[in-house]
PDB file of N, CA and C in Angstrom:
ATOM      1  N   MET A   1       0.843  -1.271  -0.030  1.00  0.00           N
ATOM      2  CA  MET A   1      -0.045  -0.015  -0.041  1.00  0.00           C
ATOM      3  C   MET A   1       0.913   1.220  -0.012  1.00  0.00           C
ATOM      4  N   TYR A   2       2.052   1.253   0.584  1.00  0.00           N
ATOM      5  CA  TYR A   2       2.844   2.322   0.557  1.00  0.00           C
ATOM      6  C   TYR A   2       4.052   1.974  -0.256  1.00  0.00           C
ATOM      7  N   GLY A   3       5.088   2.995  -0.411  1.00  0.00           N
ATOM      8  CA  GLY A   3       6.055   2.928  -1.103  1.00  0.00           C
ATOM      9  C   GLY A   3       6.105   3.442  -2.557  1.00  0.00           C
ATOM     10  N   TYR A   4       4.838   4.181  -2.848  1.00  0.00           N
ATOM     11  CA  TYR A   4       4.657   4.945  -4.194  1.00  0.00           C
ATOM     12  C   TYR A   4       5.219   6.391  -4.030  1.00  0.00           C
ATOM     13  N   LYS A   5       5.379   6.915  -5.311  1.00  0.00           N
ATOM     14  CA  LYS A   5       5.998   8.248  -5.596  1.00  0.00           C
ATOM     15  C   LYS A   5       5.019   9.223  -5.106  1.00  0.00           C
ATOM     16  N   CYS A   6       5.348  10.305  -4.314  1.00  0.00           N
ATOM     17  CA  CYS A   6       4.564  11.381  -4.064  1.00  0.00           C
ATOM     18  C   CYS A   6       4.070  12.239  -5.025  1.00  0.00           C
ATOM     19  N   GLU A   7       2.802  12.710  -5.246  1.00  0.00           N
ATOM     20  CA  GLU A   7       2.203  13.335  -6.302  1.00  0.00           C
ATOM     21  C   GLU A   7       2.729  14.813  -6.196  1.00  0.00           C
ATOM     22  N   TYR A   8       3.578  15.299  -5.296  1.00  0.00           N
ATOM     23  CA  TYR A   8       4.072  16.685  -5.251  1.00  0.00           C
ATOM     24  C   TYR A   8       5.318  16.850  -5.386  1.00  0.00           C
ATOM     25  N   CYS A   9       6.198  15.821  -5.133  1.00  0.00           N
ATOM     26  CA  CYS A   9       7.594  16.007  -5.380  1.00  0.00           C
ATOM     27  C   CYS A   9       8.281  14.453  -5.791  1.00  0.00           C
ATOM     28  N   GLU A  10       9.428  14.337  -5.661  1.00  0.00           N
ATOM     29  CA  GLU A  10      10.260  13.142  -5.990  1.00  0.00           C
ATOM     30  C   GLU A  10      10.350  12.186  -4.879  1.00  0.00           C
ATOM     31  N   GLY A  11       9.602  12.546  -3.631  1.00  0.00           N
ATOM     32  CA  GLY A  11       9.804  11.669  -2.505  1.00  0.00           C
ATOM     33  C   GLY A  11       8.847  10.371  -2.593  1.00  0.00           C
ATOM     34  N   THR A  12       8.994   9.619  -1.561  1.00  0.00           N
ATOM     35  CA  THR A  12       8.315   8.164  -1.504  1.00  0.00           C
ATOM     36  C   THR A  12       7.487   8.245  -0.351  1.00  0.00           C
ATOM     37  N   VAL A  13       6.220   7.802  -0.498  1.00  0.00           N
ATOM     38  CA  VAL A  13       5.299   7.670   0.659  1.00  0.00           C
ATOM     39  C   VAL A  13       5.520   6.409   1.321  1.00  0.00           C
ATOM     40  N   GLN A  14       5.706   6.759   2.695  1.00  0.00           N
ATOM     41  CA  GLN A  14       5.931   5.632   3.557  1.00  0.00           C
ATOM     42  C   GLN A  14       4.946   5.661   4.776  1.00  0.00           C
ATOM     43  N   PRO A  15       4.837   4.438   5.357  1.00  0.00           N
ATOM     44  CA  PRO A  15       3.823   4.436   6.431  1.00  0.00           C
ATOM     45  C   PRO A  15       4.362   4.971   7.742  1.00  0.00           C
ATOM     46  N   ARG A  16       3.512   5.744   8.362  1.00  0.00           N
ATOM     47  CA  ARG A  16       4.047   6.433   9.714  1.00  0.00           C
ATOM     48  C   ARG A  16       2.653   6.035  10.653  1.00  0.00           C
ATOM     49  N   LEU A  17       3.086   5.428  11.855  1.00  0.00           N
ATOM     50  CA  LEU A  17       2.055   5.379  12.868  1.00  0.00           C
ATOM     51  C   LEU A  17       2.231   6.826  13.694  1.00  0.00           C
ATOM     52  N   LEU A  18       0.764   7.226  13.835  1.00  0.00           N
ATOM     53  CA  LEU A  18       0.724   8.638  14.640  1.00  0.00           C
ATOM     54  C   LEU A  18      -0.267   8.346  15.809  1.00  0.00           C
ATOM     55  N   LYS A  19       0.185   8.976  17.066  1.00  0.00           N
ATOM     56  CA  LYS A  19      -0.531   8.813  18.066  1.00  0.00           C
ATOM     57  C   LYS A  19      -1.803   9.419  18.132  1.00  0.00           C
ATOM     58  N   HIS A  20      -1.831  10.625  17.343  1.00  0.00           N
ATOM     59  CA  HIS A  20      -3.083  11.477  17.107  1.00  0.00           C
ATOM     60  C   HIS A  20      -3.059  12.091  15.793  1.00  0.00           C
ATOM     61  N   GLU A  21      -4.122  12.184  15.164  1.00  0.00           N
ATOM     62  CA  GLU A  21      -4.230  12.726  13.788  1.00  0.00           C
ATOM     63  C   GLU A  21      -5.598  13.476  13.634  1.00  0.00           C
ATOM     64  N   ALA A  22      -5.562  14.809  13.541  1.00  0.00           N
ATOM     65  CA  ALA A  22      -6.817  15.591  13.626  1.00  0.00           C
ATOM     66  C   ALA A  22      -7.425  15.739  12.298  1.00  0.00           C
ATOM     67  N   PHE A  23      -8.654  15.618  12.119  1.00  0.00           N
ATOM     68  CA  PHE A  23      -9.345  15.763  10.645  1.00  0.00           C
ATOM     69  C   PHE A  23     -10.329  16.996  10.728  1.00  0.00           C
ATOM     70  N   LYS A  24     -10.348  17.675   9.794  1.00  0.00           N
ATOM     71  CA  LYS A  24     -11.392  18.691   9.905  1.00  0.00           C
ATOM     72  C   LYS A  24     -12.568  18.254   8.806  1.00  0.00           C
ATOM     73  N   HIS A  25     -13.920  18.085   9.349  1.00  0.00           N
ATOM     74  CA  HIS A  25     -15.015  17.789   8.430  1.00  0.00           C
ATOM     75  C   HIS A  25     -15.963  18.832   8.488  1.00  0.00           C
ATOM     76  N   ARG A  26     -16.725  18.868   7.440  1.00  0.00           N
ATOM     77  CA  ARG A  26     -17.803  19.962   7.533  1.00  0.00           C
ATOM     78  C   ARG A  26     -18.775  19.982   8.773  1.00  0.00           C
ATOM     79  N   ASP A  27     -18.728  18.673   9.337  1.00  0.00           N
ATOM     80  CA  ASP A  27     -19.652  18.482  10.346  1.00  0.00           C
ATOM     81  C   ASP A  27     -18.962  18.593  11.719  1.00  0.00           C
ATOM     82  N   GLY A  28     -17.531  19.057  11.771  1.00  0.00           N
ATOM     83  CA  GLY A  28     -16.698  19.204  13.055  1.00  0.00           C
ATOM     84  C   GLY A  28     -15.533  18.624  12.708  1.00  0.00           C
ATOM     85  N   PHE A  29     -14.808  18.496  13.970  1.00  0.00           N
ATOM     86  CA  PHE A  29     -13.448  17.774  13.923  1.00  0.00           C
ATOM     87  C   PHE A  29     -13.656  16.527  14.524  1.00  0.00           C
ATOM     88  N   VAL A  30     -12.580  15.721  14.008  1.00  0.00           N
ATOM     89  CA  VAL A  30     -12.515  14.283  14.696  1.00  0.00           C
ATOM     90  C   VAL A  30     -10.898  14.035  14.701  1.00  0.00           C
ATOM     91  N   ILE A  31     -10.588  13.402  15.898  1.00  0.00           N
ATOM     92  CA  ILE A  31      -9.114  12.905  16.136  1.00  0.00           C
ATOM     93  C   ILE A  31      -9.213  11.551  16.094  1.00  0.00           C
ATOM     94  N   LEU A  32      -8.314  10.826  15.510  1.00  0.00           N
ATOM     95  CA  LEU A  32      -8.051   9.527  15.377  1.00  0.00           C
ATOM     96  C   LEU A  32      -6.841   9.127  16.141  1.00  0.00           C
ATOM     97  N   GLU A  33      -6.910   8.146  17.099  1.00  0.00           N
ATOM     98  CA  GLU A  33      -5.621   7.790  17.717  1.00  0.00           C
ATOM     99  C   GLU A  33      -4.850   6.535  17.244  1.00  0.00           C
ATOM    100  N   ASP A  34      -3.695   6.575  17.161  1.00  0.00           N
ATOM    101  CA  ASP A  34      -2.977   5.160  16.796  1.00  0.00           C
ATOM    102  C   ASP A  34      -3.209   5.006  15.322  1.00  0.00           C
ATOM    103  N   VAL A  35      -3.136   5.905  14.442  1.00  0.00           N
ATOM    104  CA  VAL A  35      -3.592   5.539  13.037  1.00  0.00           C
ATOM    105  C   VAL A  35      -2.387   5.593  12.230  1.00  0.00           C
ATOM    106  N   THR A  36      -2.443   4.651  11.335  1.00  0.00           N
ATOM    107  CA  THR A  36      -1.220   4.623  10.232  1.00  0.00           C
ATOM    108  C   THR A  36      -1.687   5.353   9.004  1.00  0.00           C
ATOM    109  N   ILE A  37      -0.852   6.293   8.742  1.00  0.00           N
ATOM    110  CA  ILE A  37      -1.038   7.191   7.496  1.00  0.00           C
ATOM    111  C   ILE A  37       0.107   7.050   6.628  1.00  0.00           C
ATOM    112  N   GLY A  38       0.113   7.672   5.272  1.00  0.00           N
ATOM    113  CA  GLY A  38       1.051   7.759   4.376  1.00  0.00           C
ATOM    114  C   GLY A  38       1.723   8.918   4.571  1.00  0.00           C
ATOM    115  N   VAL A  39       3.019   9.214   4.551  1.00  0.00           N
ATOM    116  CA  VAL A  39       3.789  10.426   4.807  1.00  0.00           C
ATOM    117  C   VAL A  39       4.975  10.360   3.662  1.00  0.00           C
ATOM    118  N   CYS A  40       5.019  11.395   2.967  1.00  0.00           N
ATOM    119  CA  CYS A  40       6.216  11.746   1.964  1.00  0.00           C
ATOM    120  C   CYS A  40       7.430  11.766   2.726  1.00  0.00           C
ATOM    121  N   ASN A  41       8.376  11.114   2.413  1.00  0.00           N
ATOM    122  CA  ASN A  41       9.768  11.089   3.099  1.00  0.00           C
ATOM    123  C   ASN A  41      10.524  12.415   2.756  1.00  0.00           C
ATOM    124  N   THR A  42       9.926  13.112   1.732  1.00  0.00           N
ATOM    125  CA  THR A  42      10.757  14.356   1.309  1.00  0.00           C
ATOM    126  C   THR A  42      10.097  15.473   1.706  1.00  0.00           C
ATOM    127  N   CYS A  43       8.729  15.722   1.244  1.00  0.00           N
ATOM    128  CA  CYS A  43       7.990  16.949   1.573  1.00  0.00           C
ATOM    129  C   CYS A  43       7.169  17.048   2.731  1.00  0.00           C
ATOM    130  N   GLY A  44       6.729  15.624   3.224  1.00  0.00           N
ATOM    131  CA  GLY A  44       5.949  15.463   4.437  1.00  0.00           C
ATOM    132  C   GLY A  44       4.358  15.345   4.100  1.00  0.00           C
ATOM    133  N   ASN A  45       4.086  15.592   2.800  1.00  0.00           N
ATOM    134  CA  ASN A  45       2.489  15.411   2.378  1.00  0.00           C
ATOM    135  C   ASN A  45       1.859  14.296   3.081  1.00  0.00           C
ATOM    136  N   ARG A  46       0.722  14.272   3.496  1.00  0.00           N
ATOM    137  CA  ARG A  46      -0.040  13.276   4.156  1.00  0.00           C
ATOM    138  C   ARG A  46      -0.993  12.650   3.125  1.00  0.00           C
ATOM    139  N   TYR A  47      -1.073  11.224   3.304  1.00  0.00           N
ATOM    140  CA  TYR A  47      -1.971  10.508   2.479  1.00  0.00           C
ATOM    141  C   TYR A  47      -2.802   9.469   3.393  1.00  0.00           C
ATOM    142  N   TYR A  48      -4.096   9.620   3.164  1.00  0.00           N
ATOM    143  CA  TYR A  48      -5.106   8.824   3.964  1.00  0.00           C
ATOM    144  C   TYR A  48      -5.845   7.875   3.068  1.00  0.00           C
ATOM    145  N   CYS A  49      -5.952   6.556   3.532  1.00  0.00           N
ATOM    146  CA  CYS A  49      -6.722   5.499   2.837  1.00  0.00           C
ATOM    147  C   CYS A  49      -8.266   5.795   3.159  1.00  0.00           C
ATOM    148  N   ALA A  50      -8.858   5.098   2.151  1.00  0.00           N
ATOM    149  CA  ALA A  50     -10.293   5.091   2.329  1.00  0.00           C
ATOM    150  C   ALA A  50     -11.058   4.934   3.697  1.00  0.00           C
ATOM    151  N   GLU A  51     -10.527   3.884   4.207  1.00  0.00           N
ATOM    152  CA  GLU A  51     -11.071   3.411   5.501  1.00  0.00           C
ATOM    153  C   GLU A  51     -11.028   4.568   6.563  1.00  0.00           C
ATOM    154  N   ILE A  52      -9.712   5.288   6.590  1.00  0.00           N
ATOM    155  CA  ILE A  52      -9.767   6.495   7.457  1.00  0.00           C
ATOM    156  C   ILE A  52     -10.646   7.482   7.172  1.00  0.00           C
ATOM    157  N   LEU A  53     -10.855   7.848   5.960  1.00  0.00           N
ATOM    158  CA  LEU A  53     -11.740   8.871   5.649  1.00  0.00           C
ATOM    159  C   LEU A  53     -13.171   8.534   5.910  1.00  0.00           C
ATOM    160  N   HIS A  54     -13.388   7.224   5.651  1.00  0.00           N
ATOM    161  CA  HIS A  54     -14.705   6.901   5.997  1.00  0.00           C
ATOM    162  C   HIS A  54     -15.139   6.838   7.475  1.00  0.00           C
ATOM    163  N   THR A  55     -14.091   6.583   8.251  1.00  0.00           N
ATOM    164  CA  THR A  55     -14.206   6.560   9.649  1.00  0.00           C
ATOM    165  C   THR A  55     -14.554   7.935  10.246  1.00  0.00           C
ATOM    166  N   VAL A  56     -13.764   8.925   9.653  1.00  0.00           N
ATOM    167  CA  VAL A  56     -13.902  10.349  10.142  1.00  0.00           C
ATOM    168  C   VAL A  56     -15.161  10.852   9.739  1.00  0.00           C
ATOM    169  N   HIS A  57     -15.705  10.438   8.619  1.00  0.00           N
ATOM    170  CA  HIS A  57     -17.065  10.848   8.104  1.00  0.00           C
ATOM    171  C   HIS A  57     -18.163  10.289   8.936  1.00  0.00           C
ATOM    172  N   ALA A  58     -17.996   8.982   9.425  1.00  0.00           N
ATOM    173  CA  ALA A  58     -18.951   8.396  10.095  1.00  0.00           C
ATOM    174  C   ALA A  58     -18.955   8.983  11.547  1.00  0.00           C
ATOM    175  N   VAL A  59     -17.951   9.312  12.168  1.00  0.00           N
ATOM    176  CA  VAL A  59     -17.781   9.742  13.447  1.00  0.00           C
ATOM    177  C   VAL A  59     -18.381  11.253  13.545  1.00  0.00           C
ATOM    178  N   ALA A  60     -18.071  12.003  12.634  1.00  0.00           N
ATOM    179  CA  ALA A  60     -18.442  13.398  12.442  1.00  0.00           C
ATOM    180  C   ALA A  60     -20.035  13.477  12.112  1.00  0.00           C
ATOM    181  N   THR A  61     -20.547  12.731  11.526  1.00  0.00           N
ATOM    182  CA  THR A  61     -21.943  12.774  11.176  1.00  0.00           C
ATOM    183  C   THR A  61     -22.740  12.005  12.167  1.00  0.00           C
ATOM    184  N   GLY A  62     -22.110  11.289  13.105  1.00  0.00           N
ATOM    185  CA  GLY A  62     -23.081  10.738  14.117  1.00  0.00           C
ATOM    186  C   GLY A  62     -23.396   9.303  13.575  1.00  0.00           C
ATOM    187  N   ILE A  63     -22.777   8.663  12.748  1.00  0.00           N
ATOM    188  CA  ILE A  63     -23.162   7.404  12.307  1.00  0.00           C
ATOM    189  C   ILE A  63     -22.422   6.343  13.311  1.00  0.00           C
ATOM    190  N   GLN A  64     -21.223   6.705  13.530  1.00  0.00           N
ATOM    191  CA  GLN A  64     -20.426   6.009  14.532  1.00  0.00           C
ATOM    192  C   GLN A  64     -20.181   6.796  15.677  1.00  0.00           C
ATOM    193  N   THR A  65     -20.361   6.072  16.970  1.00  0.00           N
ATOM    194  CA  THR A  65     -20.202   6.782  18.234  1.00  0.00           C
ATOM    195  C   THR A  65     -18.820   6.924  18.528  1.00  0.00           C
ATOM    196  N   PRO A  66     -18.090   7.989  18.770  1.00  0.00           N
ATOM    197  CA  PRO A  66     -16.850   8.057  19.202  1.00  0.00           C
ATOM    198  C   PRO A  66     -16.492   7.292  20.596  1.00  0.00           C
ATOM    199  N   GLU A  67     -15.396   6.869  20.588  1.00  0.00           N
ATOM    200  CA  GLU A  67     -14.984   6.260  22.111  1.00  0.00           C
ATOM    201  C   GLU A  67     -14.865   7.120  23.069  1.00  0.00           C
ATOM    202  N   LYS A  68     -14.568   8.241  22.803  1.00  0.00           N
ATOM    203  CA  LYS A  68     -14.254   9.536  23.878  1.00  0.00           C
ATOM    204  C   LYS A  68     -14.461  10.756  23.080  1.00  0.00           C
ATOM    205  N   THR A  69     -14.673  11.889  24.004  1.00  0.00           N
ATOM    206  CA  THR A  69     -14.620  13.173  23.438  1.00  0.00           C
ATOM    207  C   THR A  69     -13.569  14.003  24.184  1.00  0.00           C
ATOM    208  N   ALA A  70     -13.309  14.962  23.669  1.00  0.00           N
ATOM    209  CA  ALA A  70     -12.095  15.873  24.307  1.00  0.00           C
ATOM    210  C   ALA A  70     -12.598  17.344  24.240  1.00  0.00           C
ATOM    211  N   GLN A  71     -12.314  18.185  25.109  1.00  0.00           N
ATOM    212  CA  GLN A  71     -12.541  19.569  25.071  1.00  0.00           C
ATOM    213  C   GLN A  71     -11.318  20.263  24.472  1.00  0.00           C
ATOM    214  N   ILE A  72     -11.593  21.279  23.648  1.00  0.00           N
ATOM    215  CA  ILE A  72     -10.447  21.987  22.943  1.00  0.00           C
ATOM    216  C   ILE A  72     -10.594  23.564  23.366  1.00  0.00           C
ATOM    217  N   PRO A  73      -9.615  23.967  24.053  1.00  0.00           N
ATOM    218  CA  PRO A  73      -9.712  25.466  24.345  1.00  0.00           C
ATOM    219  C   PRO A  73      -9.747  26.236  22.995  1.00  0.00           C
ATOM    220  N   VAL A  74     -10.499  27.397  23.118  1.00  0.00           N
ATOM    221  CA  VAL A  74     -10.589  28.283  21.990  1.00  0.00           C
ATOM    222  C   VAL A  74     -10.547  29.714  22.430  1.00  0.00           C
ATOM    223  N   THR A  75      -9.651  30.514  21.623  1.00  0.00           N
ATOM    224  CA  THR A  75      -9.598  31.973  22.185  1.00  0.00           C
ATOM    225  C   THR A  75      -9.487  32.778  20.925  1.00  0.00           C
ATOM    226  N   HIS A  76      -9.591  34.129  21.016  1.00  0.00           N
ATOM    227  CA  HIS A  76      -9.170  35.008  19.817  1.00  0.00           C
ATOM    228  C   HIS A  76      -7.896  35.569  20.031  1.00  0.00           C
ATOM    229  N   LEU A  77      -7.169  35.643  18.800  1.00  0.00           N
ATOM    230  CA  LEU A  77      -6.000  36.276  18.735  1.00  0.00           C
ATOM    231  C   LEU A  77      -6.038  37.773  18.884  1.00  0.00           C
ATOM    232  N   LYS A  78      -5.388  38.544  19.684  1.00  0.00           N
ATOM    233  CA  LYS A  78      -5.551  39.952  19.804  1.00  0.00           C
ATOM    234  C   LYS A  78      -4.726  40.637  18.742  1.00  0.00           C
ATOM    235  N   SER A  79      -5.310  41.633  17.829  1.00  0.00           N
ATOM    236  CA  SER A  79      -4.768  42.416  16.802  1.00  0.00           C
ATOM    237  C   SER A  79      -3.607  43.033  17.314  1.00  0.00           C
ATOM    238  N   ALA A  80      -2.531  43.265  16.441  1.00  0.00           N
ATOM    239  CA  ALA A  80      -1.306  43.930  16.744  1.00  0.00           C
ATOM    240  C   ALA A  80      -1.479  45.370  16.786  1.00  0.00           C
TER     241      ALA A  80
END
């Protein structure tokens, strides 16, 4: 599944296990834990398989119940 050429540079996409990966969905944010994604070894571009994207959609839309939820602090950046 990995080892193919990056579409943005001459690098090679390699598997990388990440402790947390955040996704923005039209219905909110989803964080997947302990997920393996593809990452270019030259430019760092990230590649996600269909299973990951389907899971993000299912959790964001309420089709799949998340294992847990997290609070995220939000604030405004003061203008210079």
